[in-house]
Amino acid sequence: RGGTTAAEGTSAAASSSLSGGRVIDPSDAGTPLALDASRPSTSIAIRLLNGKRLVVKVNLDSPVTELGQHIGTQAGMDPYVLTSGYPPAIIDDLGKSVEEAGLKGAQVVLKKA
């Protein structure tokens, strides 16, 4: 894809947490927001690094970072990226809403960063 060197990838992973980057560090995961039943929502199936499956319900206008907050440390303590679709593609913009990222009813798979 891009011309990222190993050094650039490492610095990007180190500086990125749950905000604008694509690598999620479980130690930075906060508490997920409560589901607002008055707004549209969806269920997303998440395949964790250990193979376990987790289904979370989030509002469509929630940022993708909300998934990282629901996952918390259930995926272990290794940094990871979220992938979705076929063929699986890394979700680059964690600041997008769940709906904007095309994750309504989706299956999301974690991959080690």
PDB file of N, CA and C in Angstrom:
ATOM      1  N   ARG A   1       0.825  -1.192   0.000  1.00  0.00           N
ATOM      2  CA  ARG A   1       0.000   0.000   0.000  1.00  0.00           C
ATOM      3  C   ARG A   1       0.860   1.243   0.000  1.00  0.00           C
ATOM      4  N   GLY A   2       1.019   1.909   1.144  1.00  0.00           N
ATOM      5  CA  GLY A   2       1.786   3.141   1.187  1.00  0.00           C
ATOM      6  C   GLY A   2       3.253   2.848   1.334  1.00  0.00           C
ATOM      7  N   GLY A   3       4.066   3.886   1.364  1.00  0.00           N
ATOM      8  CA  GLY A   3       5.497   3.723   1.488  1.00  0.00           C
ATOM      9  C   GLY A   3       5.961   3.884   2.916  1.00  0.00           C
ATOM     10  N   THR A   4       5.303   3.243   3.865  1.00  0.00           N
ATOM     11  CA  THR A   4       5.664   3.381   5.264  1.00  0.00           C
ATOM     12  C   THR A   4       6.816   2.448   5.596  1.00  0.00           C
ATOM     13  N   THR A   5       7.860   2.971   6.210  1.00  0.00           N
ATOM     14  CA  THR A   5       8.973   2.135   6.630  1.00  0.00           C
ATOM     15  C   THR A   5       8.660   1.549   7.989  1.00  0.00           C
ATOM     16  N   ALA A   6       9.438   0.573   8.399  1.00  0.00           N
ATOM     17  CA  ALA A   6       9.226  -0.055   9.694  1.00  0.00           C
ATOM     18  C   ALA A   6       9.349   0.968  10.821  1.00  0.00           C
ATOM     19  N   ALA A   7      10.302   1.874  10.703  1.00  0.00           N
ATOM     20  CA  ALA A   7      10.497   2.893  11.740  1.00  0.00           C
ATOM     21  C   ALA A   7       9.284   3.818  11.825  1.00  0.00           C
ATOM     22  N   GLU A   8       8.745   4.216  10.667  1.00  0.00           N
ATOM     23  CA  GLU A   8       7.573   5.086  10.678  1.00  0.00           C
ATOM     24  C   GLU A   8       6.374   4.362  11.266  1.00  0.00           C
ATOM     25  N   GLY A   9       6.199   3.075  10.918  1.00  0.00           N
ATOM     26  CA  GLY A   9       5.086   2.295  11.441  1.00  0.00           C
ATOM     27  C   GLY A   9       5.163   2.165  12.948  1.00  0.00           C
ATOM     28  N   THR A  10       6.389   1.970  13.487  1.00  0.00           N
ATOM     29  CA  THR A  10       6.561   1.846  14.927  1.00  0.00           C
ATOM     30  C   THR A  10       6.225   3.155  15.627  1.00  0.00           C
ATOM     31  N   SER A  11       6.684   4.280  15.074  1.00  0.00           N
ATOM     32  CA  SER A  11       6.396   5.554  15.722  1.00  0.00           C
ATOM     33  C   SER A  11       4.905   5.870  15.640  1.00  0.00           C
ATOM     34  N   ALA A  12       4.270   5.485  14.530  1.00  0.00           N
ATOM     35  CA  ALA A  12       2.831   5.715  14.406  1.00  0.00           C
ATOM     36  C   ALA A  12       2.084   4.891  15.444  1.00  0.00           C
ATOM     37  N   ALA A  13       2.532   3.651  15.647  1.00  0.00           N
ATOM     38  CA  ALA A  13       1.868   2.790  16.626  1.00  0.00           C
ATOM     39  C   ALA A  13       2.077   3.340  18.032  1.00  0.00           C
ATOM     40  N   ALA A  14       3.265   3.857  18.295  1.00  0.00           N
ATOM     41  CA  ALA A  14       3.548   4.367  19.633  1.00  0.00           C
ATOM     42  C   ALA A  14       2.756   5.635  19.937  1.00  0.00           C
ATOM     43  N   SER A  15       2.554   6.478  18.935  1.00  0.00           N
ATOM     44  CA  SER A  15       1.885   7.744  19.196  1.00  0.00           C
ATOM     45  C   SER A  15       0.368   7.648  19.075  1.00  0.00           C
ATOM     46  N   SER A  16      -0.121   6.536  18.521  1.00  0.00           N
ATOM     47  CA  SER A  16      -1.552   6.398  18.289  1.00  0.00           C
ATOM     48  C   SER A  16      -2.182   5.574  19.395  1.00  0.00           C
ATOM     49  N   SER A  17      -3.342   5.996  19.866  1.00  0.00           N
ATOM     50  CA  SER A  17      -4.062   5.187  20.840  1.00  0.00           C
ATOM     51  C   SER A  17      -5.467   5.010  20.324  1.00  0.00           C
ATOM     52  N   LEU A  18      -6.453   5.494  21.043  1.00  0.00           N
ATOM     53  CA  LEU A  18      -7.831   5.321  20.613  1.00  0.00           C
ATOM     54  C   LEU A  18      -8.366   6.514  19.831  1.00  0.00           C
ATOM     55  N   SER A  19      -7.549   7.505  19.551  1.00  0.00           N
ATOM     56  CA  SER A  19      -8.101   8.707  18.928  1.00  0.00           C
ATOM     57  C   SER A  19      -8.096   8.660  17.414  1.00  0.00           C
ATOM     58  N   GLY A  20      -7.094   9.220  16.770  1.00  0.00           N
ATOM     59  CA  GLY A  20      -7.168   9.372  15.331  1.00  0.00           C
ATOM     60  C   GLY A  20      -6.450   8.311  14.533  1.00  0.00           C
ATOM     61  N   GLY A  21      -5.540   7.545  15.149  1.00  0.00           N
ATOM     62  CA  GLY A  21      -4.759   6.573  14.408  1.00  0.00           C
ATOM     63  C   GLY A  21      -5.537   5.308  14.143  1.00  0.00           C
ATOM     64  N   ARG A  22      -4.780   4.249  13.791  1.00  0.00           N
ATOM     65  CA  ARG A  22      -5.453   2.999  13.503  1.00  0.00           C
ATOM     66  C   ARG A  22      -5.063   1.890  14.446  1.00  0.00           C
ATOM     67  N   VAL A  23      -4.008   2.071  15.238  1.00  0.00           N
ATOM     68  CA  VAL A  23      -3.585   1.067  16.210  1.00  0.00           C
ATOM     69  C   VAL A  23      -4.248   1.372  17.545  1.00  0.00           C
ATOM     70  N   ILE A  24      -4.830   0.337  18.144  1.00  0.00           N
ATOM     71  CA  ILE A  24      -5.489   0.503  19.441  1.00  0.00           C
ATOM     72  C   ILE A  24      -4.637  -0.160  20.509  1.00  0.00           C
ATOM     73  N   ASP A  25      -4.343   0.581  21.555  1.00  0.00           N
ATOM     74  CA  ASP A  25      -3.582   0.070  22.689  1.00  0.00           C
ATOM     75  C   ASP A  25      -4.569  -0.223  23.806  1.00  0.00           C
ATOM     76  N   PRO A  26      -4.748  -1.511  24.169  1.00  0.00           N
ATOM     77  CA  PRO A  26      -5.743  -1.865  25.192  1.00  0.00           C
ATOM     78  C   PRO A  26      -5.552  -1.151  26.528  1.00  0.00           C
ATOM     79  N   SER A  27      -4.312  -0.763  26.848  1.00  0.00           N
ATOM     80  CA  SER A  27      -4.077  -0.077  28.120  1.00  0.00           C
ATOM     81  C   SER A  27      -4.680   1.329  28.128  1.00  0.00           C
ATOM     82  N   ASP A  28      -5.010   1.859  26.924  1.00  0.00           N
ATOM     83  CA  ASP A  28      -5.609   3.187  26.833  1.00  0.00           C
ATOM     84  C   ASP A  28      -7.141   3.148  26.773  1.00  0.00           C
ATOM     85  N   ALA A  29      -7.706   1.953  26.724  1.00  0.00           N
ATOM     86  CA  ALA A  29      -9.160   1.829  26.555  1.00  0.00           C
ATOM     87  C   ALA A  29      -9.889   2.411  27.757  1.00  0.00           C
ATOM     88  N   GLY A  30     -10.835   3.284  27.480  1.00  0.00           N
ATOM     89  CA  GLY A  30     -11.644   3.861  28.537  1.00  0.00           C
ATOM     90  C   GLY A  30     -12.921   3.068  28.726  1.00  0.00           C
ATOM     91  N   THR A  31     -13.857   3.659  29.401  1.00  0.00           N
ATOM     92  CA  THR A  31     -15.153   3.026  29.624  1.00  0.00           C
ATOM     93  C   THR A  31     -16.081   3.368  28.469  1.00  0.00           C
ATOM     94  N   PRO A  32     -16.736   2.348  27.894  1.00  0.00           N
ATOM     95  CA  PRO A  32     -17.638   2.646  26.777  1.00  0.00           C
ATOM     96  C   PRO A  32     -18.850   3.451  27.233  1.00  0.00           C
ATOM     97  N   LEU A  33     -19.378   4.247  26.306  1.00  0.00           N
ATOM     98  CA  LEU A  33     -20.578   5.018  26.595  1.00  0.00           C
ATOM     99  C   LEU A  33     -21.775   4.074  26.657  1.00  0.00           C
ATOM    100  N   ALA A  34     -22.786   4.446  27.417  1.00  0.00           N
ATOM    101  CA  ALA A  34     -24.003   3.649  27.487  1.00  0.00           C
ATOM    102  C   ALA A  34     -24.759   3.792  26.165  1.00  0.00           C
ATOM    103  N   LEU A  35     -25.434   2.730  25.758  1.00  0.00           N
ATOM    104  CA  LEU A  35     -26.231   2.752  24.538  1.00  0.00           C
ATOM    105  C   LEU A  35     -27.416   3.687  24.730  1.00  0.00           C
ATOM    106  N   ASP A  36     -27.635   4.572  23.761  1.00  0.00           N
ATOM    107  CA  ASP A  36     -28.772   5.487  23.802  1.00  0.00           C
ATOM    108  C   ASP A  36     -29.884   4.860  22.967  1.00  0.00           C
ATOM    109  N   ALA A  37     -30.902   4.306  23.624  1.00  0.00           N
ATOM    110  CA  ALA A  37     -31.979   3.586  22.946  1.00  0.00           C
ATOM    111  C   ALA A  37     -32.813   4.490  22.041  1.00  0.00           C
ATOM    112  N   SER A  38     -32.711   5.815  22.214  1.00  0.00           N
ATOM    113  CA  SER A  38     -33.505   6.730  21.396  1.00  0.00           C
ATOM    114  C   SER A  38     -32.851   6.985  20.026  1.00  0.00           C
ATOM    115  N   ARG A  39     -31.601   6.536  19.844  1.00  0.00           N
ATOM    116  CA  ARG A  39     -30.886   6.727  18.581  1.00  0.00           C
ATOM    117  C   ARG A  39     -30.697   5.380  17.893  1.00  0.00           C
ATOM    118  N   PRO A  40     -30.559   5.368  16.561  1.00  0.00           N
ATOM    119  CA  PRO A  40     -30.351   4.104  15.841  1.00  0.00           C
ATOM    120  C   PRO A  40     -29.091   3.388  16.330  1.00  0.00           C
ATOM    121  N   SER A  41     -29.157   2.067  16.394  1.00  0.00           N
ATOM    122  CA  SER A  41     -28.014   1.295  16.866  1.00  0.00           C
ATOM    123  C   SER A  41     -27.839   0.043  16.000  1.00  0.00           C
ATOM    124  N   THR A  42     -26.731  -0.644  16.219  1.00  0.00           N
ATOM    125  CA  THR A  42     -26.433  -1.874  15.492  1.00  0.00           C
ATOM    126  C   THR A  42     -25.623  -2.794  16.384  1.00  0.00           C
ATOM    127  N   SER A  43     -25.623  -4.068  16.044  1.00  0.00           N
ATOM    128  CA  SER A  43     -24.773  -5.050  16.726  1.00  0.00           C
ATOM    129  C   SER A  43     -23.597  -5.366  15.813  1.00  0.00           C
ATOM    130  N   ILE A  44     -22.414  -5.432  16.399  1.00  0.00           N
ATOM    131  CA  ILE A  44     -21.192  -5.730  15.648  1.00  0.00           C
ATOM    132  C   ILE A  44     -20.516  -6.919  16.307  1.00  0.00           C
ATOM    133  N   ALA A  45     -20.224  -7.942  15.501  1.00  0.00           N
ATOM    134  CA  ALA A  45     -19.516  -9.129  15.999  1.00  0.00           C
ATOM    135  C   ALA A  45     -18.021  -8.869  15.891  1.00  0.00           C
ATOM    136  N   ILE A  46     -17.306  -9.090  16.980  1.00  0.00           N
ATOM    137  CA  ILE A  46     -15.865  -8.831  17.015  1.00  0.00           C
ATOM    138  C   ILE A  46     -15.140 -10.130  17.329  1.00  0.00           C
ATOM    139  N   ARG A  47     -14.180 -10.489  16.473  1.00  0.00           N
ATOM    140  CA  ARG A  47     -13.352 -11.671  16.703  1.00  0.00           C
ATOM    141  C   ARG A  47     -12.073 -11.188  17.362  1.00  0.00           C
ATOM    142  N   LEU A  48     -11.847 -11.614  18.609  1.00  0.00           N
ATOM    143  CA  LEU A  48     -10.689 -11.160  19.376  1.00  0.00           C
ATOM    144  C   LEU A  48      -9.414 -11.885  18.941  1.00  0.00           C
ATOM    145  N   LEU A  49      -8.266 -11.405  19.407  1.00  0.00           N
ATOM    146  CA  LEU A  49      -6.984 -12.006  19.062  1.00  0.00           C
ATOM    147  C   LEU A  49      -6.884 -13.454  19.514  1.00  0.00           C
ATOM    148  N   ASN A  50      -7.565 -13.790  20.608  1.00  0.00           N
ATOM    149  CA  ASN A  50      -7.508 -15.150  21.146  1.00  0.00           C
ATOM    150  C   ASN A  50      -8.545 -16.072  20.503  1.00  0.00           C
ATOM    151  N   GLY A  51      -9.278 -15.571  19.498  1.00  0.00           N
ATOM    152  CA  GLY A  51     -10.262 -16.381  18.793  1.00  0.00           C
ATOM    153  C   GLY A  51     -11.674 -16.289  19.349  1.00  0.00           C
ATOM    154  N   LYS A  52     -11.816 -15.713  20.536  1.00  0.00           N
ATOM    155  CA  LYS A  52     -13.149 -15.573  21.128  1.00  0.00           C
ATOM    156  C   LYS A  52     -13.956 -14.549  20.355  1.00  0.00           C
ATOM    157  N   ARG A  53     -15.271 -14.669  20.449  1.00  0.00           N
ATOM    158  CA  ARG A  53     -16.184 -13.771  19.731  1.00  0.00           C
ATOM    159  C   ARG A  53     -16.923 -12.911  20.741  1.00  0.00           C
ATOM    160  N   LEU A  54     -17.066 -11.649  20.420  1.00  0.00           N
ATOM    161  CA  LEU A  54     -17.728 -10.691  21.280  1.00  0.00           C
ATOM    162  C   LEU A  54     -18.730  -9.936  20.411  1.00  0.00           C
ATOM    163  N   VAL A  55     -19.963  -9.792  20.891  1.00  0.00           N
ATOM    164  CA  VAL A  55     -20.952  -9.009  20.153  1.00  0.00           C
ATOM    165  C   VAL A  55     -21.262  -7.767  20.978  1.00  0.00           C
ATOM    166  N   VAL A  56     -21.076  -6.601  20.367  1.00  0.00           N
ATOM    167  CA  VAL A  56     -21.352  -5.349  21.070  1.00  0.00           C
ATOM    168  C   VAL A  56     -22.444  -4.591  20.334  1.00  0.00           C
ATOM    169  N   LYS A  57     -23.250  -3.886  21.087  1.00  0.00           N
ATOM    170  CA  LYS A  57     -24.301  -3.056  20.510  1.00  0.00           C
ATOM    171  C   LYS A  57     -23.911  -1.606  20.742  1.00  0.00           C
ATOM    172  N   VAL A  58     -23.834  -0.848  19.644  1.00  0.00           N
ATOM    173  CA  VAL A  58     -23.435   0.559  19.713  1.00  0.00           C
ATOM    174  C   VAL A  58     -24.375   1.395  18.863  1.00  0.00           C
ATOM    175  N   ASN A  59     -24.418   2.684  19.160  1.00  0.00           N
ATOM    176  CA  ASN A  59     -25.196   3.610  18.330  1.00  0.00           C
ATOM    177  C   ASN A  59     -24.456   3.824  17.017  1.00  0.00           C
ATOM    178  N   LEU A  60     -25.203   4.017  15.936  1.00  0.00           N
ATOM    179  CA  LEU A  60     -24.593   4.203  14.615  1.00  0.00           C
ATOM    180  C   LEU A  60     -23.732   5.453  14.538  1.00  0.00           C
ATOM    181  N   ASP A  61     -24.058   6.469  15.360  1.00  0.00           N
ATOM    182  CA  ASP A  61     -23.265   7.696  15.323  1.00  0.00           C
ATOM    183  C   ASP A  61     -22.094   7.686  16.307  1.00  0.00           C
ATOM    184  N   SER A  62     -21.883   6.563  16.990  1.00  0.00           N
ATOM    185  CA  SER A  62     -20.737   6.438  17.899  1.00  0.00           C
ATOM    186  C   SER A  62     -19.459   6.305  17.080  1.00  0.00           C
ATOM    187  N   PRO A  63     -18.346   6.853  17.574  1.00  0.00           N
ATOM    188  CA  PRO A  63     -17.090   6.695  16.838  1.00  0.00           C
ATOM    189  C   PRO A  63     -16.611   5.245  16.901  1.00  0.00           C
ATOM    190  N   VAL A  64     -15.813   4.841  15.927  1.00  0.00           N
ATOM    191  CA  VAL A  64     -15.275   3.480  15.893  1.00  0.00           C
ATOM    192  C   VAL A  64     -14.448   3.205  17.145  1.00  0.00           C
ATOM    193  N   THR A  65     -13.873   4.229  17.745  1.00  0.00           N
ATOM    194  CA  THR A  65     -13.090   4.041  18.975  1.00  0.00           C
ATOM    195  C   THR A  65     -13.922   3.384  20.070  1.00  0.00           C
ATOM    196  N   GLU A  66     -15.226   3.543  20.003  1.00  0.00           N
ATOM    197  CA  GLU A  66     -16.117   2.926  20.977  1.00  0.00           C
ATOM    198  C   GLU A  66     -15.943   1.402  20.995  1.00  0.00           C
ATOM    199  N   LEU A  67     -15.640   0.808  19.842  1.00  0.00           N
ATOM    200  CA  LEU A  67     -15.420  -0.635  19.798  1.00  0.00           C
ATOM    201  C   LEU A  67     -14.215  -1.012  20.651  1.00  0.00           C
ATOM    202  N   GLY A  68     -13.147  -0.216  20.555  1.00  0.00           N
ATOM    203  CA  GLY A  68     -11.962  -0.464  21.377  1.00  0.00           C
ATOM    204  C   GLY A  68     -12.278  -0.374  22.851  1.00  0.00           C
ATOM    205  N   GLN A  69     -13.184   0.526  23.211  1.00  0.00           N
ATOM    206  CA  GLN A  69     -13.569   0.663  24.612  1.00  0.00           C
ATOM    207  C   GLN A  69     -14.386  -0.541  25.074  1.00  0.00           C
ATOM    208  N   HIS A  70     -15.237  -1.082  24.202  1.00  0.00           N
ATOM    209  CA  HIS A  70     -15.997  -2.286  24.550  1.00  0.00           C
ATOM    210  C   HIS A  70     -15.083  -3.497  24.667  1.00  0.00           C
ATOM    211  N   ILE A  71     -14.069  -3.563  23.810  1.00  0.00           N
ATOM    212  CA  ILE A  71     -13.139  -4.690  23.834  1.00  0.00           C
ATOM    213  C   ILE A  71     -12.280  -4.621  25.090  1.00  0.00           C
ATOM    214  N   GLY A  72     -11.830  -3.413  25.436  1.00  0.00           N
ATOM    215  CA  GLY A  72     -11.003  -3.231  26.629  1.00  0.00           C
ATOM    216  C   GLY A  72      -9.797  -4.139  26.605  1.00  0.00           C
ATOM    217  N   THR A  73      -9.581  -4.871  27.678  1.00  0.00           N
ATOM    218  CA  THR A  73      -8.433  -5.778  27.775  1.00  0.00           C
ATOM    219  C   THR A  73      -8.822  -7.221  27.467  1.00  0.00           C
ATOM    220  N   GLN A  74     -10.055  -7.455  26.990  1.00  0.00           N
ATOM    221  CA  GLN A  74     -10.472  -8.816  26.656  1.00  0.00           C
ATOM    222  C   GLN A  74      -9.634  -9.403  25.521  1.00  0.00           C
ATOM    223  N   ALA A  75      -8.995  -8.543  24.738  1.00  0.00           N
ATOM    224  CA  ALA A  75      -8.163  -8.992  23.621  1.00  0.00           C
ATOM    225  C   ALA A  75      -6.722  -9.198  24.062  1.00  0.00           C
ATOM    226  N   GLY A  76      -6.443  -9.070  25.348  1.00  0.00           N
ATOM    227  CA  GLY A  76      -5.071  -9.141  25.833  1.00  0.00           C
ATOM    228  C   GLY A  76      -4.490  -7.735  25.895  1.00  0.00           C
ATOM    229  N   MET A  77      -3.184  -7.649  26.068  1.00  0.00           N
ATOM    230  CA  MET A  77      -2.552  -6.344  26.222  1.00  0.00           C
ATOM    231  C   MET A  77      -1.725  -5.937  25.005  1.00  0.00           C
ATOM    232  N   ASP A  78      -1.750  -6.757  23.948  1.00  0.00           N
ATOM    233  CA  ASP A  78      -1.017  -6.404  22.735  1.00  0.00           C
ATOM    234  C   ASP A  78      -1.804  -5.386  21.924  1.00  0.00           C
ATOM    235  N   PRO A  79      -1.134  -4.347  21.394  1.00  0.00           N
ATOM    236  CA  PRO A  79      -1.810  -3.398  20.505  1.00  0.00           C
ATOM    237  C   PRO A  79      -2.352  -4.130  19.278  1.00  0.00           C
ATOM    238  N   TYR A  80      -3.460  -3.645  18.736  1.00  0.00           N
ATOM    239  CA  TYR A  80      -4.090  -4.297  17.597  1.00  0.00           C
ATOM    240  C   TYR A  80      -4.728  -3.273  16.672  1.00  0.00           C
ATOM    241  N   VAL A  81      -5.076  -3.749  15.475  1.00  0.00           N
ATOM    242  CA  VAL A  81      -5.843  -2.958  14.522  1.00  0.00           C
ATOM    243  C   VAL A  81      -7.159  -3.677  14.286  1.00  0.00           C
ATOM    244  N   LEU A  82      -8.155  -2.920  13.850  1.00  0.00           N
ATOM    245  CA  LEU A  82      -9.454  -3.487  13.506  1.00  0.00           C
ATOM    246  C   LEU A  82      -9.512  -3.683  12.004  1.00  0.00           C
ATOM    247  N   THR A  83     -10.012  -4.841  11.562  1.00  0.00           N
ATOM    248  CA  THR A  83     -10.197  -5.089  10.142  1.00  0.00           C
ATOM    249  C   THR A  83     -11.644  -5.484   9.896  1.00  0.00           C
ATOM    250  N   SER A  84     -12.117  -5.214   8.698  1.00  0.00           N
ATOM    251  CA  SER A  84     -13.480  -5.573   8.342  1.00  0.00           C
ATOM    252  C   SER A  84     -13.578  -5.726   6.836  1.00  0.00           C
ATOM    253  N   GLY A  85     -14.591  -6.453   6.383  1.00  0.00           N
ATOM    254  CA  GLY A  85     -14.849  -6.603   4.964  1.00  0.00           C
ATOM    255  C   GLY A  85     -14.153  -7.801   4.369  1.00  0.00           C
ATOM    256  N   TYR A  86     -14.368  -7.990   3.077  1.00  0.00           N
ATOM    257  CA  TYR A  86     -13.701  -9.055   2.349  1.00  0.00           C
ATOM    258  C   TYR A  86     -13.214  -8.509   1.031  1.00  0.00           C
ATOM    259  N   PRO A  87     -11.930  -8.579   0.743  1.00  0.00           N
ATOM    260  CA  PRO A  87     -10.904  -9.053   1.669  1.00  0.00           C
ATOM    261  C   PRO A  87     -10.751  -8.094   2.844  1.00  0.00           C
ATOM    262  N   PRO A  88     -10.328  -8.622   3.995  1.00  0.00           N
ATOM    263  CA  PRO A  88     -10.234  -7.769   5.188  1.00  0.00           C
ATOM    264  C   PRO A  88      -9.330  -6.563   4.965  1.00  0.00           C
ATOM    265  N   ALA A  89      -9.842  -5.394   5.341  1.00  0.00           N
ATOM    266  CA  ALA A  89      -9.079  -4.152   5.221  1.00  0.00           C
ATOM    267  C   ALA A  89      -8.996  -3.500   6.598  1.00  0.00           C
ATOM    268  N   ILE A  90      -7.857  -2.904   6.888  1.00  0.00           N
ATOM    269  CA  ILE A  90      -7.676  -2.213   8.164  1.00  0.00           C
ATOM    270  C   ILE A  90      -8.554  -0.967   8.180  1.00  0.00           C
ATOM    271  N   ILE A  91      -9.237  -0.769   9.288  1.00  0.00           N
ATOM    272  CA  ILE A  91     -10.046   0.432   9.471  1.00  0.00           C
ATOM    273  C   ILE A  91      -9.085   1.534   9.910  1.00  0.00           C
ATOM    274  N   ASP A  92      -8.817   2.463   8.988  1.00  0.00           N
ATOM    275  CA  ASP A  92      -7.796   3.488   9.216  1.00  0.00           C
ATOM    276  C   ASP A  92      -8.261   4.643  10.093  1.00  0.00           C
ATOM    277  N   ASP A  93      -9.485   5.095   9.906  1.00  0.00           N
ATOM    278  CA  ASP A  93      -9.960   6.290  10.608  1.00  0.00           C
ATOM    279  C   ASP A  93     -10.892   5.899  11.748  1.00  0.00           C
ATOM    280  N   LEU A  94     -10.318   5.796  12.940  1.00  0.00           N
ATOM    281  CA  LEU A  94     -11.099   5.396  14.111  1.00  0.00           C
ATOM    282  C   LEU A  94     -11.996   6.513  14.614  1.00  0.00           C
ATOM    283  N   GLY A  95     -11.859   7.710  14.057  1.00  0.00           N
ATOM    284  CA  GLY A  95     -12.690   8.840  14.442  1.00  0.00           C
ATOM    285  C   GLY A  95     -14.025   8.871  13.703  1.00  0.00           C
ATOM    286  N   LYS A  96     -14.140   8.079  12.618  1.00  0.00           N
ATOM    287  CA  LYS A  96     -15.406   8.024  11.880  1.00  0.00           C
ATOM    288  C   LYS A  96     -16.477   7.382  12.741  1.00  0.00           C
ATOM    289  N   SER A  97     -17.734   7.665  12.396  1.00  0.00           N
ATOM    290  CA  SER A  97     -18.826   6.989  13.106  1.00  0.00           C
ATOM    291  C   SER A  97     -18.892   5.546  12.610  1.00  0.00           C
ATOM    292  N   VAL A  98     -19.544   4.692  13.387  1.00  0.00           N
ATOM    293  CA  VAL A  98     -19.730   3.296  13.013  1.00  0.00           C
ATOM    294  C   VAL A  98     -20.401   3.215  11.639  1.00  0.00           C
ATOM    295  N   GLU A  99     -21.401   4.065  11.410  1.00  0.00           N
ATOM    296  CA  GLU A  99     -22.115   4.058  10.140  1.00  0.00           C
ATOM    297  C   GLU A  99     -21.215   4.523   8.989  1.00  0.00           C
ATOM    298  N   GLU A 100     -20.451   5.605   9.196  1.00  0.00           N
ATOM    299  CA  GLU A 100     -19.551   6.125   8.155  1.00  0.00           C
ATOM    300  C   GLU A 100     -18.484   5.101   7.765  1.00  0.00           C
ATOM    301  N   ALA A 101     -18.060   4.301   8.735  1.00  0.00           N
ATOM    302  CA  ALA A 101     -17.030   3.291   8.485  1.00  0.00           C
ATOM    303  C   ALA A 101     -17.615   2.034   7.841  1.00  0.00           C
ATOM    304  N   GLY A 102     -18.934   2.007   7.653  1.00  0.00           N
ATOM    305  CA  GLY A 102     -19.573   0.860   7.018  1.00  0.00           C
ATOM    306  C   GLY A 102     -19.641  -0.368   7.904  1.00  0.00           C
ATOM    307  N   LEU A 103     -19.748  -0.163   9.216  1.00  0.00           N
ATOM    308  CA  LEU A 103     -19.709  -1.278  10.153  1.00  0.00           C
ATOM    309  C   LEU A 103     -21.079  -1.705  10.675  1.00  0.00           C
ATOM    310  N   LYS A 104     -22.148  -1.193  10.085  1.00  0.00           N
ATOM    311  CA  LYS A 104     -23.486  -1.563  10.536  1.00  0.00           C
ATOM    312  C   LYS A 104     -23.689  -3.066  10.325  1.00  0.00           C
ATOM    313  N   GLY A 105     -23.871  -3.798  11.421  1.00  0.00           N
ATOM    314  CA  GLY A 105     -24.086  -5.240  11.367  1.00  0.00           C
ATOM    315  C   GLY A 105     -22.873  -6.030  10.915  1.00  0.00           C
ATOM    316  N   ALA A 106     -21.691  -5.444  10.977  1.00  0.00           N
ATOM    317  CA  ALA A 106     -20.490  -6.046  10.414  1.00  0.00           C
ATOM    318  C   ALA A 106     -19.811  -7.036  11.359  1.00  0.00           C
ATOM    319  N   GLN A 107     -18.892  -7.767  10.790  1.00  0.00           N
ATOM    320  CA  GLN A 107     -17.965  -8.617  11.543  1.00  0.00           C
ATOM    321  C   GLN A 107     -16.633  -7.882  11.528  1.00  0.00           C
ATOM    322  N   VAL A 108     -16.057  -7.665  12.693  1.00  0.00           N
ATOM    323  CA  VAL A 108     -14.766  -6.990  12.810  1.00  0.00           C
ATOM    324  C   VAL A 108     -13.785  -8.002  13.387  1.00  0.00           C
ATOM    325  N   VAL A 109     -12.600  -8.081  12.786  1.00  0.00           N
ATOM    326  CA  VAL A 109     -11.578  -9.002  13.242  1.00  0.00           C
ATOM    327  C   VAL A 109     -10.370  -8.205  13.706  1.00  0.00           C
ATOM    328  N   LEU A 110      -9.855  -8.538  14.896  1.00  0.00           N
ATOM    329  CA  LEU A 110      -8.659  -7.883  15.411  1.00  0.00           C
ATOM    330  C   LEU A 110      -7.432  -8.564  14.837  1.00  0.00           C
ATOM    331  N   LYS A 111      -6.419  -7.762  14.511  1.00  0.00           N
ATOM    332  CA  LYS A 111      -5.127  -8.267  14.064  1.00  0.00           C
ATOM    333  C   LYS A 111      -4.058  -7.572  14.890  1.00  0.00           C
ATOM    334  N   LYS A 112      -3.016  -8.320  15.267  1.00  0.00           N
ATOM    335  CA  LYS A 112      -1.929  -7.705  16.028  1.00  0.00           C
ATOM    336  C   LYS A 112      -1.298  -6.594  15.211  1.00  0.00           C
ATOM    337  N   ALA A 113      -0.976  -5.497  15.910  1.00  0.00           N
ATOM    338  CA  ALA A 113      -0.377  -4.341  15.228  1.00  0.00           C
ATOM    339  C   ALA A 113       1.097  -4.583  14.990  1.00  0.00           C
TER     340      ALA A 113
END
